[in-house]
N, C-alpha and C. Protein backbone atom coordinates (compact mmCIF):
# COMPACT_ATOMS: atom_id res chain seq x y z
N MET A 1 -0.55 2.08 -49.04
CA MET A 1 -0.48 1.05 -48.06
C MET A 1 1.10 1.73 -47.24
N LYS A 2 1.58 2.45 -48.02
CA LYS A 2 2.95 3.00 -47.76
C LYS A 2 2.77 3.99 -46.49
N ASP A 3 1.28 4.66 -46.22
CA ASP A 3 1.14 5.38 -45.52
C ASP A 3 0.61 4.90 -43.93
N LYS A 4 0.46 3.92 -44.35
CA LYS A 4 0.39 2.97 -42.53
C LYS A 4 1.32 2.96 -41.53
N PRO A 5 2.43 2.61 -42.43
CA PRO A 5 3.60 2.68 -41.53
C PRO A 5 4.28 3.99 -40.66
N ASN A 6 3.72 4.68 -41.40
CA ASN A 6 4.42 6.54 -41.13
C ASN A 6 3.11 6.30 -39.84
N LYS A 7 2.03 6.40 -40.31
CA LYS A 7 1.30 6.68 -39.39
C LYS A 7 1.39 5.97 -38.10
N ILE A 8 1.62 4.76 -38.19
CA ILE A 8 1.99 3.88 -36.99
C ILE A 8 3.21 4.68 -36.23
N LYS A 9 4.49 4.72 -36.99
CA LYS A 9 5.46 5.54 -36.14
C LYS A 9 5.08 7.04 -35.51
N GLU A 10 4.02 7.66 -36.18
CA GLU A 10 3.91 8.88 -35.86
C GLU A 10 2.75 8.81 -34.54
N SER A 11 2.18 7.67 -34.42
CA SER A 11 1.17 7.61 -33.44
C SER A 11 1.73 7.16 -32.25
N ALA A 12 2.93 6.40 -32.62
CA ALA A 12 3.65 5.90 -31.36
C ALA A 12 4.87 6.92 -31.05
N ALA A 13 5.08 8.00 -31.77
CA ALA A 13 5.91 9.26 -31.07
C ALA A 13 4.92 9.69 -30.62
N ASP A 14 3.77 10.05 -30.99
CA ASP A 14 2.65 10.79 -30.00
C ASP A 14 2.59 10.28 -28.69
N TYR A 15 2.15 9.32 -28.74
CA TYR A 15 2.41 8.21 -27.15
C TYR A 15 3.31 8.40 -26.62
N ALA A 16 4.72 8.27 -26.68
CA ALA A 16 5.94 8.22 -26.26
C ALA A 16 5.94 9.40 -25.71
N ALA A 17 5.45 10.60 -26.70
CA ALA A 17 5.78 12.06 -26.14
C ALA A 17 4.54 12.54 -25.06
N LYS A 18 3.64 11.64 -24.93
CA LYS A 18 2.42 12.05 -23.92
C LYS A 18 2.85 11.36 -22.80
N ILE A 19 3.70 10.30 -22.60
CA ILE A 19 4.46 9.40 -21.72
C ILE A 19 5.56 9.98 -20.98
N PHE A 20 6.06 10.66 -21.83
CA PHE A 20 7.02 11.62 -21.31
C PHE A 20 6.58 12.54 -20.71
N THR A 21 5.67 13.54 -21.26
CA THR A 21 5.02 14.38 -20.30
C THR A 21 4.27 14.35 -18.95
N SER A 22 3.54 13.16 -19.09
CA SER A 22 2.84 12.73 -17.94
C SER A 22 4.12 12.53 -16.89
N LYS A 23 5.38 12.15 -16.98
CA LYS A 23 6.61 11.46 -16.41
C LYS A 23 7.05 12.88 -15.42
N LYS A 24 6.86 13.75 -16.63
CA LYS A 24 7.39 14.98 -16.36
C LYS A 24 6.51 15.60 -15.33
N ASP A 25 5.68 16.00 -15.79
CA ASP A 25 4.53 16.45 -14.85
C ASP A 25 4.51 16.03 -13.35
N PHE A 26 4.63 14.52 -13.33
CA PHE A 26 4.29 13.67 -11.76
C PHE A 26 5.64 14.11 -11.22
N HIS A 27 6.83 14.08 -11.84
CA HIS A 27 7.72 14.45 -10.98
C HIS A 27 7.82 15.31 -10.42
N LYS A 28 7.46 16.64 -11.24
CA LYS A 28 7.39 17.89 -10.73
C LYS A 28 6.50 18.03 -9.54
N GLU A 29 5.61 17.22 -9.46
CA GLU A 29 4.07 17.70 -8.55
C GLU A 29 4.99 16.99 -7.09
N GLN A 30 6.12 15.75 -7.48
CA GLN A 30 6.62 15.10 -6.49
C GLN A 30 7.80 15.68 -5.69
N ALA A 31 8.23 16.40 -6.45
CA ALA A 31 9.21 17.81 -5.92
C ALA A 31 8.20 18.27 -5.19
N LYS A 32 7.57 18.65 -5.19
CA LYS A 32 6.38 19.73 -4.32
C LYS A 32 6.11 19.38 -3.18
N LEU A 33 6.17 17.91 -2.77
CA LEU A 33 6.22 17.40 -1.52
C LEU A 33 6.82 17.73 -0.65
N PRO A 34 6.21 17.80 0.66
CA PRO A 34 6.96 17.94 1.83
C PRO A 34 7.75 16.61 1.89
N ILE A 35 9.20 17.13 2.85
CA ILE A 35 10.00 16.25 3.03
C ILE A 35 9.56 14.78 4.06
N GLU A 36 8.66 15.69 4.79
CA GLU A 36 8.39 14.34 5.97
C GLU A 36 7.33 13.42 4.54
N GLU A 37 6.67 13.69 3.70
CA GLU A 37 5.89 12.92 3.01
C GLU A 37 6.73 11.72 1.69
N LYS A 38 8.23 12.48 1.33
CA LYS A 38 9.21 11.99 0.84
C LYS A 38 9.77 10.55 1.45
N ILE A 39 9.78 11.21 3.04
CA ILE A 39 10.52 9.94 3.42
C ILE A 39 9.67 8.90 3.38
N LYS A 40 8.28 9.15 4.06
CA LYS A 40 7.02 7.98 4.09
C LYS A 40 7.30 7.53 2.61
N ILE A 41 7.20 7.93 1.75
CA ILE A 41 7.04 7.11 0.51
C ILE A 41 8.62 6.59 0.06
N LEU A 42 9.51 6.57 0.71
CA LEU A 42 11.08 6.07 0.83
C LEU A 42 10.80 4.85 1.21
N ILE A 43 10.04 4.67 2.60
CA ILE A 43 10.26 4.03 3.45
C ILE A 43 9.10 2.98 2.80
N GLU A 44 8.21 3.39 2.09
CA GLU A 44 6.96 2.21 1.57
C GLU A 44 8.06 1.74 0.37
N LEU A 45 8.95 2.10 -0.23
CA LEU A 45 9.57 1.63 -1.25
C LEU A 45 10.62 0.49 -0.83
N GLN A 46 11.20 0.67 0.42
CA GLN A 46 11.71 0.04 1.19
C GLN A 46 11.59 -1.01 1.43
N LYS A 47 10.20 -0.93 1.99
CA LYS A 47 9.26 -2.56 2.23
C LYS A 47 9.32 -3.12 1.20
N ILE A 48 8.98 -2.40 -0.14
CA ILE A 48 8.52 -3.17 -1.31
C ILE A 48 9.78 -4.06 -1.43
N VAL A 49 10.94 -3.19 -1.50
CA VAL A 49 12.16 -4.38 -2.13
C VAL A 49 12.66 -5.14 -1.12
N LEU A 50 12.60 -4.90 0.26
CA LEU A 50 12.46 -5.91 1.05
C LEU A 50 11.69 -7.06 1.17
N LYS A 51 10.49 -7.13 0.82
CA LYS A 51 9.82 -8.13 0.02
C LYS A 51 10.17 -8.84 -1.41
N THR A 52 10.21 -7.82 -2.05
CA THR A 52 10.44 -8.47 -3.50
C THR A 52 12.32 -9.05 -3.41
N GLN A 53 12.94 -8.45 -3.63
CA GLN A 53 14.58 -8.88 -3.71
C GLN A 53 14.94 -10.12 -2.42
N LYS A 54 15.81 -10.93 -2.92
CA LYS A 54 16.18 -12.38 -2.74
C LYS A 54 17.44 -11.66 -2.23
N GLN A 55 17.78 -11.90 -0.81
CA GLN A 55 18.75 -11.49 -0.02
C GLN A 55 19.76 -12.63 0.20
N GLU A 56 21.05 -12.06 -0.83
CA GLU A 56 22.07 -13.37 -1.29
C GLU A 56 22.96 -13.69 0.06
N PRO A 57 23.47 -14.33 0.18
CA PRO A 57 24.34 -14.92 1.18
C PRO A 57 25.53 -14.07 1.11
N GLY A 58 25.93 -13.28 2.30
CA GLY A 58 27.17 -12.54 2.46
C GLY A 58 26.80 -10.77 2.27
N GLU A 59 25.57 -10.74 1.77
CA GLU A 59 25.20 -9.42 1.23
C GLU A 59 24.51 -8.62 2.55
N ARG A 60 24.82 -7.09 2.86
CA ARG A 60 24.72 -6.42 3.83
C ARG A 60 23.32 -6.75 4.25
N LEU A 61 23.51 -6.68 5.36
CA LEU A 61 21.95 -6.93 5.39
C LEU A 61 20.83 -5.50 5.33
N ARG A 62 19.82 -5.72 4.74
CA ARG A 62 18.74 -4.79 4.16
C ARG A 62 17.90 -4.51 5.43
N GLN A 63 17.37 -3.68 5.89
CA GLN A 63 16.47 -3.11 6.45
C GLN A 63 15.91 -1.98 6.31
N VAL A 64 14.26 -1.75 6.78
CA VAL A 64 13.78 -0.56 6.56
C VAL A 64 13.81 0.46 7.38
N TRP A 65 13.91 1.53 7.22
CA TRP A 65 14.66 2.95 8.16
C TRP A 65 13.44 2.87 9.07
N LYS A 66 13.67 2.98 10.61
CA LYS A 66 12.50 3.16 11.49
C LYS A 66 12.58 4.66 11.79
N ILE A 67 11.35 5.09 11.70
CA ILE A 67 11.89 6.58 11.73
C ILE A 67 10.12 6.82 12.46
């Protein structure tokens, strides 16, 4: 039974390694996008933030870029 915790740790480490590799590959592909596509993605992220975060009183007005 002592082997089971080690196997769980190993499989968790393998899983984490796969996640980090996938994330690294994703960012490499995103870096290859043209600047126009990156701006479109940024604007979509701004829209999400605007919808999901509450505007606090006195806080600077948030807005989506108009391009």
